[in-house]
Protein backbone atom coordinates (compact mmCIF):
# COMPACT_ATOMS: atom_id res chain seq x y z
CA MET A 1 0.38 15.59 -8.07
CA THR A 2 2.08 12.60 -6.44
CA TYR A 3 -0.24 12.71 -3.43
CA VAL A 4 -3.32 12.97 -5.67
CA ARG A 5 -2.32 9.68 -7.31
CA THR A 6 -1.47 8.20 -3.91
CA ARG A 7 -4.84 9.28 -2.49
CA LEU A 8 -6.71 7.75 -5.44
CA ALA A 9 -4.81 4.48 -4.97
CA LEU A 10 -5.51 4.45 -1.22
CA ASP A 11 -9.20 5.19 -1.81
CA SER A 12 -9.48 2.07 -3.99
CA MET A 13 -7.79 -0.22 -1.43
CA ALA A 14 -9.20 -2.19 1.47
CA ALA A 15 -8.22 -1.24 5.02
CA GLY A 16 -4.92 -2.80 6.06
CA GLU A 17 -3.56 -3.18 2.52
CA VAL A 18 -0.07 -1.86 1.82
CA LEU A 19 0.85 0.63 -0.91
CA LEU A 20 4.34 1.32 -2.24
CA VAL A 21 4.83 4.84 -3.61
CA ARG A 22 7.91 6.04 -5.48
CA LEU A 23 8.80 9.61 -4.52
CA ARG A 24 10.98 11.75 -6.76
CA GLY A 25 12.08 15.18 -5.64
CA ALA A 26 12.17 17.05 -2.36
CA GLU A 27 8.56 18.26 -2.38
CA PRO A 28 6.89 14.82 -2.68
CA ARG A 29 9.34 13.38 -0.12
CA ALA A 30 8.19 16.00 2.38
CA ASN A 31 4.51 16.31 1.50
CA VAL A 32 3.28 12.79 0.68
CA PRO A 33 4.26 11.18 4.01
CA ARG A 34 2.83 14.12 5.96
CA ALA A 35 -0.45 14.10 4.03
CA ALA A 36 -0.84 10.31 4.32
CA SER A 37 -0.20 10.49 8.05
CA ASP A 38 -2.68 13.37 8.41
CA GLN A 39 -5.28 11.14 6.69
CA GLY A 40 -4.67 8.49 9.38
CA HIS A 41 -2.64 6.02 7.32
CA ASP A 42 0.37 4.22 8.83
CA LEU A 43 3.79 5.05 7.42
CA LEU A 44 5.71 1.79 7.65
CA ASP A 45 9.01 2.70 5.99
CA MET A 46 10.80 4.98 3.55
CA VAL A 47 13.67 3.45 1.61
CA ASP A 48 16.15 5.71 -0.18
CA LEU A 49 17.20 4.48 -3.61
CA PRO A 50 20.56 5.08 -5.35
CA ASP A 51 18.94 7.31 -8.00
CA GLY A 52 17.85 9.83 -5.34
CA SER A 53 14.21 8.75 -5.24
CA ALA A 54 12.58 6.91 -2.35
CA ILE A 55 9.96 4.22 -1.83
CA LEU A 56 7.35 5.05 0.79
CA VAL A 57 5.46 2.13 2.33
CA ILE A 58 1.96 3.03 3.53
CA ARG A 59 -0.65 0.84 5.24
CA LYS A 60 -4.19 2.02 4.59
CA ALA A 61 -6.04 3.05 7.74
CA GLU A 62 -9.10 1.24 8.99
CA ASP A 63 -12.27 2.80 7.59
């Protein structure tokens, strides 16, 4: 479900804009970056947070 929300957010953005996504759990941490990359978006960073979640930084691909 996390990537569905991420995909909807990316679809509404202009090319080159940056999206921050909070990932909670092992499955989103593995699947969301892979799916975003497969869609052609740039993965800029993933920052681990003390609560065990992570922030993924994605730049939307050029259309």
